[in-house]
Every structure is written in C-alpha cells, then in structure tokens.
C-alpha atoms as a PDB file:
ATOM      1  CA  MET A   1      45.725  20.743  -8.601  1.00  0.00           C
ATOM      2  CA  TRP A   2      45.237  18.633 -12.357  1.00  0.00           C
ATOM      3  CA  LEU A   3      48.699  18.328 -14.105  1.00  0.00           C
ATOM      4  CA  PHE A   4      47.890  17.163 -17.209  1.00  0.00           C
ATOM      5  CA  SER A   5      48.681  18.459 -20.367  1.00  0.00           C
ATOM      6  CA  ASP A   6      45.552  17.116 -22.362  1.00  0.00           C
ATOM      7  CA  GLU A   7      42.634  19.059 -21.229  1.00  0.00           C
ATOM      8  CA  LYS A   8      40.580  15.732 -22.139  1.00  0.00           C
ATOM      9  CA  LYS A   9      42.381  14.230 -20.002  1.00  0.00           C
ATOM     10  CA  VAL A  10      41.614  16.488 -17.036  1.00  0.00           C
ATOM     11  CA  THR A  11      38.333  16.197 -17.938  1.00  0.00           C
ATOM     12  CA  SER A  12      37.960  13.030 -17.746  1.00  0.00           C
ATOM     13  CA  GLU A  13      39.881  12.022 -14.825  1.00  0.00           C
ATOM     14  CA  TYR A  14      38.252  15.060 -13.036  1.00  0.00           C
ATOM     15  CA  TYR A  15      34.876  13.091 -13.662  1.00  0.00           C
ATOM     16  CA  ASN A  16      36.154   9.424 -12.980  1.00  0.00           C
ATOM     17  CA  TYR A  17      36.983  11.004  -9.687  1.00  0.00           C
ATOM     18  CA  MET A  18      33.537  12.715  -8.745  1.00  0.00           C
ATOM     19  CA  GLU A  19      31.640   9.962 -10.202  1.00  0.00           C
ATOM     20  CA  LYS A  20      33.760   7.211  -7.548  1.00  0.00           C
ATOM     21  CA  ILE A  21      33.607   9.804  -4.486  1.00  0.00           C
ATOM     22  CA  ARG A  22      29.434  10.424  -5.411  1.00  0.00           C
ATOM     23  CA  LYS A  23      28.971   7.010  -5.268  1.00  0.00           C
ATOM     24  CA  GLU A  24      29.008   6.860  -1.736  1.00  0.00           C
ATOM     25  CA  TYR A  25      29.211  10.317  -0.793  1.00  0.00           C
ATOM     26  CA  PRO A  26      25.786  11.703  -3.519  1.00  0.00           C
ATOM     27  CA  LYS A  27      26.348  15.016  -1.608  1.00  0.00           C
ATOM     28  CA  ALA A  28      29.889  15.572  -1.926  1.00  0.00           C
ATOM     29  CA  TYR A  29      31.525  18.685  -3.001  1.00  0.00           C
ATOM     30  CA  GLU A  30      27.317  20.509  -3.465  1.00  0.00           C
ATOM     31  CA  LYS A  31      26.797  23.614  -1.669  1.00  0.00           C
ATOM     32  CA  TRP A  32      25.947  23.948   1.479  1.00  0.00           C
ATOM     33  CA  SER A  33      22.389  25.530   2.407  1.00  0.00           C
ATOM     34  CA  GLU A  34      21.546  27.510   5.721  1.00  0.00           C
ATOM     35  CA  ASP A  35      19.351  24.973   6.414  1.00  0.00           C
ATOM     36  CA  ASN A  36      21.403  21.888   6.500  1.00  0.00           C
ATOM     37  CA  ASP A  37      24.078  24.180   8.004  1.00  0.00           C
ATOM     38  CA  ALA A  38      21.668  24.738  10.941  1.00  0.00           C
ATOM     39  CA  LEU A  39      20.677  21.233  10.713  1.00  0.00           C
ATOM     40  CA  LEU A  40      24.884  19.985  11.304  1.00  0.00           C
ATOM     41  CA  VAL A  41      25.062  21.558  13.969  1.00  0.00           C
ATOM     42  CA  GLU A  42      21.567  20.852  15.659  1.00  0.00           C
ATOM     43  CA  LYS A  43      22.237  17.123  15.389  1.00  0.00           C
ATOM     44  CA  PHE A  44      26.417  17.530  16.545  1.00  0.00           C
ATOM     45  CA  ASN A  45      25.500  19.409  19.349  1.00  0.00           C
ATOM     46  CA  SER A  46      22.603  16.743  20.209  1.00  0.00           C
ATOM     47  CA  GLY A  47      25.876  14.151  19.910  1.00  0.00           C
ATOM     48  CA  ALA A  48      25.310  13.006  16.653  1.00  0.00           C
ATOM     49  CA  THR A  49      29.082  11.750  15.211  1.00  0.00           C
ATOM     50  CA  ILE A  50      31.220  12.440  12.583  1.00  0.00           C
ATOM     51  CA  ARG A  51      30.093   8.748  11.518  1.00  0.00           C
ATOM     52  CA  VAL A  52      26.358   9.238  11.884  1.00  0.00           C
ATOM     53  CA  LEU A  53      26.396  13.289  10.258  1.00  0.00           C
ATOM     54  CA  SER A  54      28.096  11.495   7.628  1.00  0.00           C
ATOM     55  CA  ASN A  55      25.436   9.128   6.843  1.00  0.00           C
ATOM     56  CA  LEU A  56      22.494  11.454   7.219  1.00  0.00           C
ATOM     57  CA  PHE A  57      24.004  14.468   5.113  1.00  0.00           C
ATOM     58  CA  GLN A  58      25.277  11.955   2.572  1.00  0.00           C
ATOM     59  CA  ARG A  59      28.939  13.649   2.597  1.00  0.00           C
ATOM     60  CA  LYS A  60      32.643  12.529   3.256  1.00  0.00           C
ATOM     61  CA  PRO A  61      33.285  12.577   6.862  1.00  0.00           C
ATOM     62  CA  GLY A  62      36.352  14.706   6.438  1.00  0.00           C
ATOM     63  CA  ALA A  63      33.476  16.990   5.111  1.00  0.00           C
ATOM     64  CA  ILE A  64      31.220  17.412   7.883  1.00  0.00           C
ATOM     65  CA  ARG A  65      34.680  18.028  10.340  1.00  0.00           C
ATOM     66  CA  SER A  66      35.084  21.091   7.754  1.00  0.00           C
ATOM     67  CA  ARG A  67      32.394  22.511   7.502  1.00  0.00           C
ATOM     68  CA  LEU A  68      32.265  22.199  11.948  1.00  0.00           C
ATOM     69  CA  ARG A  69      35.232  24.069  12.169  1.00  0.00           C
ATOM     70  CA  LYS A  70      33.970  26.835   9.714  1.00  0.00           C
ATOM     71  CA  LEU A  71      30.505  27.409  11.511  1.00  0.00           C
ATOM     72  CA  GLY A  72      33.060  27.768  14.635  1.00  0.00           C
ATOM     73  CA  ILE A  73      31.869  24.701  15.918  1.00  0.00           C
ATOM     74  CA  LEU A  74      34.638  22.458  16.278  1.00  0.00           C
ATOM     75  CA  LYS A  75      38.519  24.103  16.376  1.00  0.00           C
END
C-alpha cells in the first residue's frame, strides 16, 4: 500500500517501482494466460528450476513460486 499525501507522488513512485522491476522482469505483474499456466506446469514437472522458469517467463522468482502454489503444484 502506498501511503503518500500527494497523489502525483504516489503515481510517480509506483511508476518508478514498476519500471525498475520490469527492466529485469519484463512480464512482471502481467496477467497469466491459460497457455502460460500449462507451459509453467509442464516445464516445472519436467524438472525446470524456479530460476530457469523465472528467466523463461520473464517474471520474478517469487511470482513463479506463487503461481505454482495457486495452481496446486507447490505447497
């Protein structure tokens, strides 16, 4: 949660945060497609590591773990 009194500052801080994250992980915070979910499960079940999946899907490692949990693959 962004707690700033000035709405422009909130927008600016959020934009800067997202820009920084997306330099390293271009797909960060984008919606997952059914095709990507299927590919994620397939690759994970084939032995791909979280780091490899992170690079493949261009998302943060935490996002990969979170999605695998949501899909019932990780606990």
